Amino acid sequence: MTFAPNEHISDLPQAFDAGGSSFVAALQRQAPQALPPLLGGSPMPAELRDQLIEGTTVLAVVARDGVVMAGDRRATAGHHISRGDMRKVFPADDSSAIGISGAAGPAMELARIFATELEHYEKVEGEPLSLDGRSNKLAGMVRAHLPMAMQGLVVVPLFAGVDRRTGDRRIFEYDPVGGRYRATNSAATGSGSMAARATLKRLADPEADLDVAARTAIEALFDAAEEDSATGGPDLIRRIYPIVAVIDQDGYRELTDDEVAAHVEAVVETHRS
């Protein structure tokens, strides 16, 4: 293959170079047009904001052997119920989870990119990022979303996990501008968080086992649904239950529908009696 004397060889595609452990930074160099709006793409058109789908509520509880994270399934668009089966809890990696509230589209994109960032870091560096490092990485991503938050597209995540090296169980809360705060025994975010926090303050026990912590999380969501119209309670007819994730030394796992249903029935019976 030959080139004309004035042909610019620099115009040829460059081989991919990670150039560091940040997946987003690599994408910004290689294909900035592929970035979603919250990380550098074009802002969402104003006319779409009226149809914005939002999701709440998510919470996390510290237990003796790990952390439980749970989220209701309702999504709203204004005063209308948009979806009754939205997922708001996602695995960040095999020892941590991220819960989302706020503008549903950007929030789910944030969760996916965060998980990709952690996977990319581990492949480049040869070891996983520490739990504190992961929580700081998420804070930076929320901070990068600030221009869209100023337009009303607010995303507020919740992060929880277990440090496998120390066994420490941690929950981190965030504000819309990227502030990061470590919670003690429990945390909640979203429109139903006030009612959920009241229940968690009363029932959360860091020395309880994971089964008790899961029931506490479900009861907090149940109470939030009674006080907040944007938070959905369990749908016993269609068997749509909250997503409940458990993170311990064995990793991340989600309770099955039957396991969650057993907790829901116990909570309903408690309220009935």
C-alpha atoms as a PDB file:
ATOM      1  CA  MET A   1       0.000   0.000   0.000  1.00  0.00           C
ATOM      2  CA  THR A   2       1.413   3.411  -1.008  1.00  0.00           C
ATOM      3  CA  PHE A   3       0.519   6.973  -0.055  1.00  0.00           C
ATOM      4  CA  ALA A   4       0.521  10.125  -2.164  1.00  0.00           C
ATOM      5  CA  PRO A   5       3.209  12.644  -1.088  1.00  0.00           C
ATOM      6  CA  ASN A   6       0.711  14.998   0.542  1.00  0.00           C
ATOM      7  CA  GLU A   7      -1.528  12.349   2.061  1.00  0.00           C
ATOM      8  CA  HIS A   8      -1.880  12.588   5.861  1.00  0.00           C
ATOM      9  CA  ILE A   9      -1.151   9.273   7.470  1.00  0.00           C
ATOM     10  CA  SER A  10      -2.524  10.705  10.733  1.00  0.00           C
ATOM     11  CA  ASP A  11      -6.006  10.508   9.205  1.00  0.00           C
ATOM     12  CA  LEU A  12      -5.878   6.727   9.447  1.00  0.00           C
ATOM     13  CA  PRO A  13      -7.786   5.105  12.368  1.00  0.00           C
ATOM     14  CA  GLN A  14      -5.711   4.752  15.491  1.00  0.00           C
ATOM     15  CA  ALA A  15      -5.357   1.467  17.338  1.00  0.00           C
ATOM     16  CA  PHE A  16      -7.352   1.377  20.574  1.00  0.00           C
ATOM     17  CA  ASP A  17      -5.317   2.470  23.580  1.00  0.00           C
ATOM     18  CA  ALA A  18      -6.955   2.277  26.992  1.00  0.00           C
ATOM     19  CA  GLY A  19      -4.598   4.998  28.237  1.00  0.00           C
ATOM     20  CA  GLY A  20      -5.653   4.399  31.824  1.00  0.00           C
ATOM     21  CA  SER A  21      -8.164   2.563  33.951  1.00  0.00           C
ATOM     22  CA  SER A  22     -11.157   4.836  33.221  1.00  0.00           C
ATOM     23  CA  PHE A  23     -13.545   3.463  30.614  1.00  0.00           C
ATOM     24  CA  VAL A  24     -15.306   6.832  30.240  1.00  0.00           C
ATOM     25  CA  ALA A  25     -11.990   8.627  29.619  1.00  0.00           C
ATOM     26  CA  ALA A  26     -11.059   6.048  26.981  1.00  0.00           C
ATOM     27  CA  LEU A  27     -14.445   6.499  25.300  1.00  0.00           C
ATOM     28  CA  GLN A  28     -14.061  10.280  25.364  1.00  0.00           C
ATOM     29  CA  ARG A  29     -10.787   9.914  23.438  1.00  0.00           C
ATOM     30  CA  GLN A  30     -11.848   7.200  21.023  1.00  0.00           C
ATOM     31  CA  ALA A  31     -15.552   7.859  20.349  1.00  0.00           C
ATOM     32  CA  PRO A  32     -16.970  10.921  22.151  1.00  0.00           C
ATOM     33  CA  GLN A  33     -20.118  10.753  20.027  1.00  0.00           C
ATOM     34  CA  ALA A  34     -20.991   7.460  21.750  1.00  0.00           C
ATOM     35  CA  LEU A  35     -21.219   9.039  25.177  1.00  0.00           C
ATOM     36  CA  PRO A  36     -24.724   9.370  26.658  1.00  0.00           C
ATOM     37  CA  PRO A  37     -25.922  12.900  27.550  1.00  0.00           C
ATOM     38  CA  LEU A  38     -25.035  12.671  31.255  1.00  0.00           C
ATOM     39  CA  LEU A  39     -21.353  12.121  30.407  1.00  0.00           C
ATOM     40  CA  GLY A  40     -20.731  14.609  27.686  1.00  0.00           C
ATOM     41  CA  GLY A  41     -23.262  14.083  24.883  1.00  0.00           C
ATOM     42  CA  SER A  42     -26.021  16.408  23.718  1.00  0.00           C
ATOM     43  CA  PRO A  43     -28.556  17.563  26.315  1.00  0.00           C
ATOM     44  CA  MET A  44     -32.092  16.156  26.262  1.00  0.00           C
ATOM     45  CA  PRO A  45     -34.515  18.357  24.269  1.00  0.00           C
ATOM     46  CA  ALA A  46     -36.741  20.506  26.466  1.00  0.00           C
ATOM     47  CA  GLU A  47     -39.962  19.131  24.964  1.00  0.00           C
ATOM     48  CA  LEU A  48     -39.117  15.653  26.268  1.00  0.00           C
ATOM     49  CA  ARG A  49     -38.848  16.756  29.878  1.00  0.00           C
ATOM     50  CA  ASP A  50     -42.651  16.858  30.226  1.00  0.00           C
ATOM     51  CA  GLN A  51     -42.703  13.118  29.507  1.00  0.00           C
ATOM     52  CA  LEU A  52     -39.861  12.333  31.875  1.00  0.00           C
ATOM     53  CA  ILE A  53     -40.215   9.002  33.676  1.00  0.00           C
ATOM     54  CA  GLU A  54     -38.998   8.994  37.257  1.00  0.00           C
ATOM     55  CA  GLY A  55     -38.386   6.160  39.679  1.00  0.00           C
ATOM     56  CA  THR A  56     -38.402   5.932  43.487  1.00  0.00           C
ATOM     57  CA  THR A  57     -37.789   4.579  46.200  1.00  0.00           C
ATOM     58  CA  VAL A  58     -34.554   2.703  47.041  1.00  0.00           C
ATOM     59  CA  LEU A  59     -33.006   1.918  50.409  1.00  0.00           C
ATOM     60  CA  ALA A  60     -30.223  -0.074  52.024  1.00  0.00           C
ATOM     61  CA  VAL A  61     -29.797  -1.757  55.410  1.00  0.00           C
ATOM     62  CA  VAL A  62     -26.648  -2.991  57.149  1.00  0.00           C
ATOM     63  CA  ALA A  63     -26.828  -6.500  58.616  1.00  0.00           C
ATOM     64  CA  ARG A  64     -24.417  -8.603  60.644  1.00  0.00           C
ATOM     65  CA  ASP A  65     -23.012 -10.437  57.634  1.00  0.00           C
ATOM     66  CA  GLY A  66     -23.560  -7.976  54.812  1.00  0.00           C
ATOM     67  CA  VAL A  67     -25.830  -5.339  53.305  1.00  0.00           C
ATOM     68  CA  VAL A  68     -29.358  -5.501  51.868  1.00  0.00           C
ATOM     69  CA  MET A  69     -30.545  -3.107  49.139  1.00  0.00           C
ATOM     70  CA  ALA A  70     -34.145  -2.915  47.972  1.00  0.00           C
ATOM     71  CA  GLY A  71     -36.256  -0.826  45.627  1.00  0.00           C
ATOM     72  CA  ASP A  72     -39.936  -0.575  44.771  1.00  0.00           C
ATOM     73  CA  ARG A  73     -41.070  -1.130  41.168  1.00  0.00           C
ATOM     74  CA  ARG A  74     -43.183   1.957  40.351  1.00  0.00           C
ATOM     75  CA  ALA A  75     -42.163   4.640  37.853  1.00  0.00           C
ATOM     76  CA  THR A  76     -44.164   7.823  37.351  1.00  0.00           C
ATOM     77  CA  ALA A  77     -44.513  10.447  34.618  1.00  0.00           C
ATOM     78  CA  GLY A  78     -45.940  13.532  36.244  1.00  0.00           C
ATOM     79  CA  HIS A  79     -49.059  12.403  38.124  1.00  0.00           C
ATOM     80  CA  HIS A  80     -49.408   9.214  36.085  1.00  0.00           C
ATOM     81  CA  ILE A  81     -48.077   5.748  36.861  1.00  0.00           C
ATOM     82  CA  SER A  82     -45.817   4.963  33.926  1.00  0.00           C
ATOM     83  CA  ARG A  83     -44.581   1.508  34.884  1.00  0.00           C
ATOM     84  CA  GLY A  84     -45.253  -0.966  37.638  1.00  0.00           C
ATOM     85  CA  ASP A  85     -42.256  -3.206  37.077  1.00  0.00           C
ATOM     86  CA  MET A  86     -39.239  -0.891  36.857  1.00  0.00           C
ATOM     87  CA  ARG A  87     -35.883  -2.169  38.133  1.00  0.00           C
ATOM     88  CA  LYS A  88     -34.071   0.247  40.451  1.00  0.00           C
ATOM     89  CA  VAL A  89     -31.421  -2.015  42.002  1.00  0.00           C
ATOM     90  CA  PHE A  90     -28.460  -3.231  39.935  1.00  0.00           C
ATOM     91  CA  PRO A  91     -25.220  -5.083  40.650  1.00  0.00           C
ATOM     92  CA  ALA A  92     -22.245  -2.728  40.406  1.00  0.00           C
ATOM     93  CA  ASP A  93     -19.854  -5.685  40.595  1.00  0.00           C
ATOM     94  CA  ASP A  94     -19.767  -8.967  42.510  1.00  0.00           C
ATOM     95  CA  SER A  95     -19.546  -7.298  45.932  1.00  0.00           C
ATOM     96  CA  SER A  96     -21.555  -4.065  45.629  1.00  0.00           C
ATOM     97  CA  ALA A  97     -24.866  -2.707  44.355  1.00  0.00           C
ATOM     98  CA  ILE A  98     -26.235   0.569  43.075  1.00  0.00           C
ATOM     99  CA  GLY A  99     -29.788   1.799  43.563  1.00  0.00           C
ATOM    100  CA  ILE A 100     -31.245   4.611  41.455  1.00  0.00           C
ATOM    101  CA  SER A 101     -33.858   7.305  41.946  1.00  0.00           C
ATOM    102  CA  GLY A 102     -34.778  10.343  39.902  1.00  0.00           C
ATOM    103  CA  ALA A 103     -34.910  10.630  36.105  1.00  0.00           C
ATOM    104  CA  ALA A 104     -35.197   6.987  35.042  1.00  0.00           C
ATOM    105  CA  GLY A 105     -33.364   7.047  31.708  1.00  0.00           C
ATOM    106  CA  PRO A 106     -30.205   8.861  32.851  1.00  0.00           C
ATOM    107  CA  ALA A 107     -30.268   6.938  36.150  1.00  0.00           C
ATOM    108  CA  MET A 108     -30.280   3.524  34.451  1.00  0.00           C
ATOM    109  CA  GLU A 109     -27.554   4.717  32.070  1.00  0.00           C
ATOM    110  CA  LEU A 110     -25.504   5.840  35.061  1.00  0.00           C
ATOM    111  CA  ALA A 111     -25.847   2.408  36.669  1.00  0.00           C
ATOM    112  CA  ARG A 112     -24.765   0.611  33.484  1.00  0.00           C
ATOM    113  CA  ILE A 113     -21.762   2.866  32.862  1.00  0.00           C
ATOM    114  CA  PHE A 114     -20.719   2.650  36.510  1.00  0.00           C
ATOM    115  CA  ALA A 115     -20.654  -1.150  36.318  1.00  0.00           C
ATOM    116  CA  THR A 116     -18.655  -0.938  33.076  1.00  0.00           C
ATOM    117  CA  GLU A 117     -16.193   1.475  34.696  1.00  0.00           C
ATOM    118  CA  LEU A 118     -15.551  -0.953  37.544  1.00  0.00           C
ATOM    119  CA  GLU A 119     -15.100  -3.887  35.164  1.00  0.00           C
ATOM    120  CA  HIS A 120     -12.748  -1.857  32.950  1.00  0.00           C
ATOM    121  CA  TYR A 121     -10.670  -0.758  35.955  1.00  0.00           C
ATOM    122  CA  GLU A 122     -10.265  -4.353  37.151  1.00  0.00           C
ATOM    123  CA  LYS A 123      -9.174  -5.545  33.702  1.00  0.00           C
ATOM    124  CA  VAL A 124      -6.617  -2.744  33.263  1.00  0.00           C
ATOM    125  CA  GLU A 125      -5.243  -2.690  36.815  1.00  0.00           C
ATOM    126  CA  GLY A 126      -5.513  -6.410  37.522  1.00  0.00           C
ATOM    127  CA  GLU A 127      -7.445  -5.974  40.771  1.00  0.00           C
ATOM    128  CA  PRO A 128     -10.812  -4.491  41.762  1.00  0.00           C
ATOM    129  CA  LEU A 129     -11.173  -0.919  42.954  1.00  0.00           C
ATOM    130  CA  SER A 130     -11.587  -0.581  46.722  1.00  0.00           C
ATOM    131  CA  LEU A 131     -15.075   0.026  48.107  1.00  0.00           C
ATOM    132  CA  ASP A 132     -14.179   3.628  48.981  1.00  0.00           C
ATOM    133  CA  GLY A 133     -12.694   4.044  45.510  1.00  0.00           C
ATOM    134  CA  ARG A 134     -15.894   2.767  43.924  1.00  0.00           C
ATOM    135  CA  SER A 135     -18.007   5.168  45.968  1.00  0.00           C
ATOM    136  CA  ASN A 136     -15.733   8.071  44.964  1.00  0.00           C
ATOM    137  CA  LYS A 137     -15.929   7.031  41.306  1.00  0.00           C
ATOM    138  CA  LEU A 138     -19.729   7.135  41.502  1.00  0.00           C
ATOM    139  CA  ALA A 139     -19.600  10.587  43.143  1.00  0.00           C
ATOM    140  CA  GLY A 140     -17.553  11.860  40.201  1.00  0.00           C
ATOM    141  CA  MET A 141     -20.081  10.478  37.730  1.00  0.00           C
ATOM    142  CA  VAL A 142     -22.960  12.161  39.572  1.00  0.00           C
ATOM    143  CA  ARG A 143     -20.961  15.403  39.561  1.00  0.00           C
ATOM    144  CA  ALA A 144     -20.470  15.094  35.793  1.00  0.00           C
ATOM    145  CA  HIS A 145     -24.263  14.890  35.465  1.00  0.00           C
ATOM    146  CA  LEU A 146     -24.704  18.327  37.113  1.00  0.00           C
ATOM    147  CA  PRO A 147     -25.532  20.250  33.868  1.00  0.00           C
ATOM    148  CA  MET A 148     -28.515  17.957  33.267  1.00  0.00           C
ATOM    149  CA  ALA A 149     -29.501  18.102  36.930  1.00  0.00           C
ATOM    150  CA  MET A 150     -29.703  21.893  36.570  1.00  0.00           C
ATOM    151  CA  GLN A 151     -32.280  21.285  33.815  1.00  0.00           C
ATOM    152  CA  GLY A 152     -34.396  19.199  36.165  1.00  0.00           C
ATOM    153  CA  LEU A 153     -33.081  15.763  35.192  1.00  0.00           C
ATOM    154  CA  VAL A 154     -31.878  14.888  38.669  1.00  0.00           C
ATOM    155  CA  VAL A 155     -30.272  11.515  39.389  1.00  0.00           C
ATOM    156  CA  VAL A 156     -29.560  10.484  42.984  1.00  0.00           C
ATOM    157  CA  PRO A 157     -28.046   7.016  43.460  1.00  0.00           C
ATOM    158  CA  LEU A 158     -27.459   4.858  46.513  1.00  0.00           C
ATOM    159  CA  PHE A 159     -24.380   2.639  46.765  1.00  0.00           C
ATOM    160  CA  ALA A 160     -23.702  -0.247  49.134  1.00  0.00           C
ATOM    161  CA  GLY A 161     -21.289  -3.121  49.361  1.00  0.00           C
ATOM    162  CA  VAL A 162     -18.957  -5.314  51.374  1.00  0.00           C
ATOM    163  CA  ASP A 163     -15.191  -4.875  51.449  1.00  0.00           C
ATOM    164  CA  ARG A 164     -13.965  -8.447  51.029  1.00  0.00           C
ATOM    165  CA  ARG A 165     -10.539  -7.600  52.421  1.00  0.00           C
ATOM    166  CA  THR A 166     -11.801  -6.179  55.711  1.00  0.00           C
ATOM    167  CA  GLY A 167     -15.384  -7.465  55.876  1.00  0.00           C
ATOM    168  CA  ASP A 168     -16.592  -3.878  56.356  1.00  0.00           C
ATOM    169  CA  ARG A 169     -20.222  -3.258  55.355  1.00  0.00           C
ATOM    170  CA  ARG A 170     -20.856   0.206  53.983  1.00  0.00           C
ATOM    171  CA  ILE A 171     -23.648   2.335  52.548  1.00  0.00           C
ATOM    172  CA  PHE A 172     -23.011   5.611  50.723  1.00  0.00           C
ATOM    173  CA  GLU A 173     -25.578   8.317  50.010  1.00  0.00           C
ATOM    174  CA  TYR A 174     -25.244  11.101  47.417  1.00  0.00           C
ATOM    175  CA  ASP A 175     -26.761  14.467  46.675  1.00  0.00           C
ATOM    176  CA  PRO A 176     -27.569  15.804  43.163  1.00  0.00           C
ATOM    177  CA  VAL A 177     -24.234  17.658  42.879  1.00  0.00           C
ATOM    178  CA  GLY A 178     -22.044  14.647  43.670  1.00  0.00           C
ATOM    179  CA  GLY A 179     -21.668  14.975  47.416  1.00  0.00           C
ATOM    180  CA  ARG A 180     -20.862  11.610  49.012  1.00  0.00           C
ATOM    181  CA  TYR A 181     -21.891  10.684  52.553  1.00  0.00           C
ATOM    182  CA  ARG A 182     -21.357   7.433  54.410  1.00  0.00           C
ATOM    183  CA  ALA A 183     -24.484   6.208  56.177  1.00  0.00           C
ATOM    184  CA  THR A 184     -24.386   4.328  59.459  1.00  0.00           C
ATOM    185  CA  ASN A 185     -26.958   1.534  59.652  1.00  0.00           C
ATOM    186  CA  SER A 186     -29.393   2.401  56.858  1.00  0.00           C
ATOM    187  CA  ALA A 187     -30.203   4.907  54.132  1.00  0.00           C
ATOM    188  CA  ALA A 188     -32.984   5.715  51.680  1.00  0.00           C
ATOM    189  CA  THR A 189     -33.449   8.030  48.723  1.00  0.00           C
ATOM    190  CA  GLY A 190     -36.337   9.010  46.489  1.00  0.00           C
ATOM    191  CA  SER A 191     -39.753  10.559  47.046  1.00  0.00           C
ATOM    192  CA  GLY A 192     -40.738   7.942  49.631  1.00  0.00           C
ATOM    193  CA  SER A 193     -37.476   8.166  51.527  1.00  0.00           C
ATOM    194  CA  MET A 194     -38.865  10.160  54.460  1.00  0.00           C
ATOM    195  CA  ALA A 195     -41.381   7.462  55.415  1.00  0.00           C
ATOM    196  CA  ALA A 196     -38.858   4.713  54.674  1.00  0.00           C
ATOM    197  CA  ARG A 197     -36.237   6.362  56.896  1.00  0.00           C
ATOM    198  CA  ALA A 198     -38.704   6.532  59.783  1.00  0.00           C
ATOM    199  CA  THR A 199     -39.274   2.769  59.574  1.00  0.00           C
ATOM    200  CA  LEU A 200     -35.567   2.030  59.142  1.00  0.00           C
ATOM    201  CA  LYS A 201     -34.694   4.194  62.132  1.00  0.00           C
ATOM    202  CA  ARG A 202     -37.106   2.147  64.222  1.00  0.00           C
ATOM    203  CA  LEU A 203     -36.282  -1.353  62.950  1.00  0.00           C
ATOM    204  CA  ALA A 204     -32.794  -1.441  61.393  1.00  0.00           C
ATOM    205  CA  ASP A 205     -30.346  -3.477  63.464  1.00  0.00           C
ATOM    206  CA  PRO A 206     -26.739  -3.837  62.231  1.00  0.00           C
ATOM    207  CA  GLU A 207     -26.409  -7.067  64.270  1.00  0.00           C
ATOM    208  CA  ALA A 208     -29.475  -8.739  62.718  1.00  0.00           C
ATOM    209  CA  ASP A 209     -29.045 -11.489  60.151  1.00  0.00           C
ATOM    210  CA  LEU A 210     -29.614 -10.893  56.443  1.00  0.00           C
ATOM    211  CA  ASP A 211     -33.076 -12.460  56.506  1.00  0.00           C
ATOM    212  CA  VAL A 212     -34.265 -10.021  59.174  1.00  0.00           C
ATOM    213  CA  ALA A 213     -32.628  -7.119  57.319  1.00  0.00           C
ATOM    214  CA  ALA A 214     -34.457  -8.104  54.107  1.00  0.00           C
ATOM    215  CA  ARG A 215     -37.792  -8.087  55.944  1.00  0.00           C
ATOM    216  CA  THR A 216     -36.967  -4.693  57.460  1.00  0.00           C
ATOM    217  CA  ALA A 217     -36.214  -3.321  53.989  1.00  0.00           C
ATOM    218  CA  ILE A 218     -39.523  -4.628  52.629  1.00  0.00           C
ATOM    219  CA  GLU A 219     -41.453  -3.198  55.576  1.00  0.00           C
ATOM    220  CA  ALA A 220     -39.812   0.203  55.004  1.00  0.00           C
ATOM    221  CA  LEU A 221     -40.863   0.117  51.335  1.00  0.00           C
ATOM    222  CA  PHE A 222     -44.372  -0.938  52.375  1.00  0.00           C
ATOM    223  CA  ASP A 223     -44.644   2.043  54.742  1.00  0.00           C
ATOM    224  CA  ALA A 224     -43.229   4.382  52.074  1.00  0.00           C
ATOM    225  CA  ALA A 225     -45.896   3.205  49.600  1.00  0.00           C
ATOM    226  CA  GLU A 226     -48.618   4.066  52.120  1.00  0.00           C
ATOM    227  CA  GLU A 227     -47.340   7.644  52.469  1.00  0.00           C
ATOM    228  CA  ASP A 228     -46.027   8.403  48.967  1.00  0.00           C
ATOM    229  CA  SER A 229     -48.074   7.971  45.780  1.00  0.00           C
ATOM    230  CA  ALA A 230     -44.938   7.657  43.625  1.00  0.00           C
ATOM    231  CA  THR A 231     -43.778   4.591  45.579  1.00  0.00           C
ATOM    232  CA  GLY A 232     -45.434   1.336  44.589  1.00  0.00           C
ATOM    233  CA  GLY A 233     -46.396  -1.349  47.074  1.00  0.00           C
ATOM    234  CA  PRO A 234     -46.158  -5.069  46.282  1.00  0.00           C
ATOM    235  CA  ASP A 235     -48.606  -6.195  43.575  1.00  0.00           C
ATOM    236  CA  LEU A 236     -50.003  -9.415  45.022  1.00  0.00           C
ATOM    237  CA  ILE A 237     -52.240 -10.103  42.010  1.00  0.00           C
ATOM    238  CA  ARG A 238     -49.576  -9.863  39.298  1.00  0.00           C
ATOM    239  CA  ARG A 239     -46.838 -11.015  41.703  1.00  0.00           C
ATOM    240  CA  ILE A 240     -44.661  -7.949  41.145  1.00  0.00           C
ATOM    241  CA  TYR A 241     -42.519  -7.568  44.229  1.00  0.00           C
ATOM    242  CA  PRO A 242     -39.682  -5.237  45.242  1.00  0.00           C
ATOM    243  CA  ILE A 243     -36.186  -6.081  44.030  1.00  0.00           C
ATOM    244  CA  VAL A 244     -34.224  -7.169  47.085  1.00  0.00           C
ATOM    245  CA  ALA A 245     -30.464  -7.708  46.729  1.00  0.00           C
ATOM    246  CA  VAL A 246     -28.155  -9.212  49.344  1.00  0.00           C
ATOM    247  CA  ILE A 247     -24.399  -8.511  49.321  1.00  0.00           C
ATOM    248  CA  ASP A 248     -22.144 -10.516  51.624  1.00  0.00           C
ATOM    249  CA  GLN A 249     -18.775 -12.267  51.509  1.00  0.00           C
ATOM    250  CA  ASP A 250     -20.183 -14.677  48.904  1.00  0.00           C
ATOM    251  CA  GLY A 251     -21.047 -11.804  46.575  1.00  0.00           C
ATOM    252  CA  TYR A 252     -24.170 -10.194  45.115  1.00  0.00           C
ATOM    253  CA  ARG A 253     -27.439 -12.085  44.780  1.00  0.00           C
ATOM    254  CA  GLU A 254     -31.092 -11.194  44.465  1.00  0.00           C
ATOM    255  CA  LEU A 255     -33.864 -12.871  46.411  1.00  0.00           C
ATOM    256  CA  THR A 256     -36.258 -14.916  44.298  1.00  0.00           C
ATOM    257  CA  ASP A 257     -39.897 -13.914  43.886  1.00  0.00           C
ATOM    258  CA  ASP A 258     -40.910 -16.688  46.281  1.00  0.00           C
ATOM    259  CA  GLU A 259     -38.452 -15.489  48.921  1.00  0.00           C
ATOM    260  CA  VAL A 260     -39.639 -11.883  48.607  1.00  0.00           C
ATOM    261  CA  ALA A 261     -43.283 -13.024  48.589  1.00  0.00           C
ATOM    262  CA  ALA A 262     -42.773 -14.785  51.922  1.00  0.00           C
ATOM    263  CA  HIS A 263     -41.427 -11.567  53.457  1.00  0.00           C
ATOM    264  CA  VAL A 264     -44.244  -9.519  51.899  1.00  0.00           C
ATOM    265  CA  GLU A 265     -46.896 -11.850  53.294  1.00  0.00           C
ATOM    266  CA  ALA A 266     -45.325 -11.608  56.757  1.00  0.00           C
ATOM    267  CA  VAL A 267     -45.312  -7.802  56.577  1.00  0.00           C
ATOM    268  CA  VAL A 268     -48.916  -7.696  55.330  1.00  0.00           C
ATOM    269  CA  GLU A 269     -50.007 -10.010  58.138  1.00  0.00           C
ATOM    270  CA  THR A 270     -48.247  -7.778  60.679  1.00  0.00           C
ATOM    271  CA  HIS A 271     -50.078  -4.708  59.365  1.00  0.00           C
ATOM    272  CA  ARG A 272     -53.380  -6.602  59.222  1.00  0.00           C
ATOM    273  CA  SER A 273     -53.144  -7.705  62.845  1.00  0.00           C
END
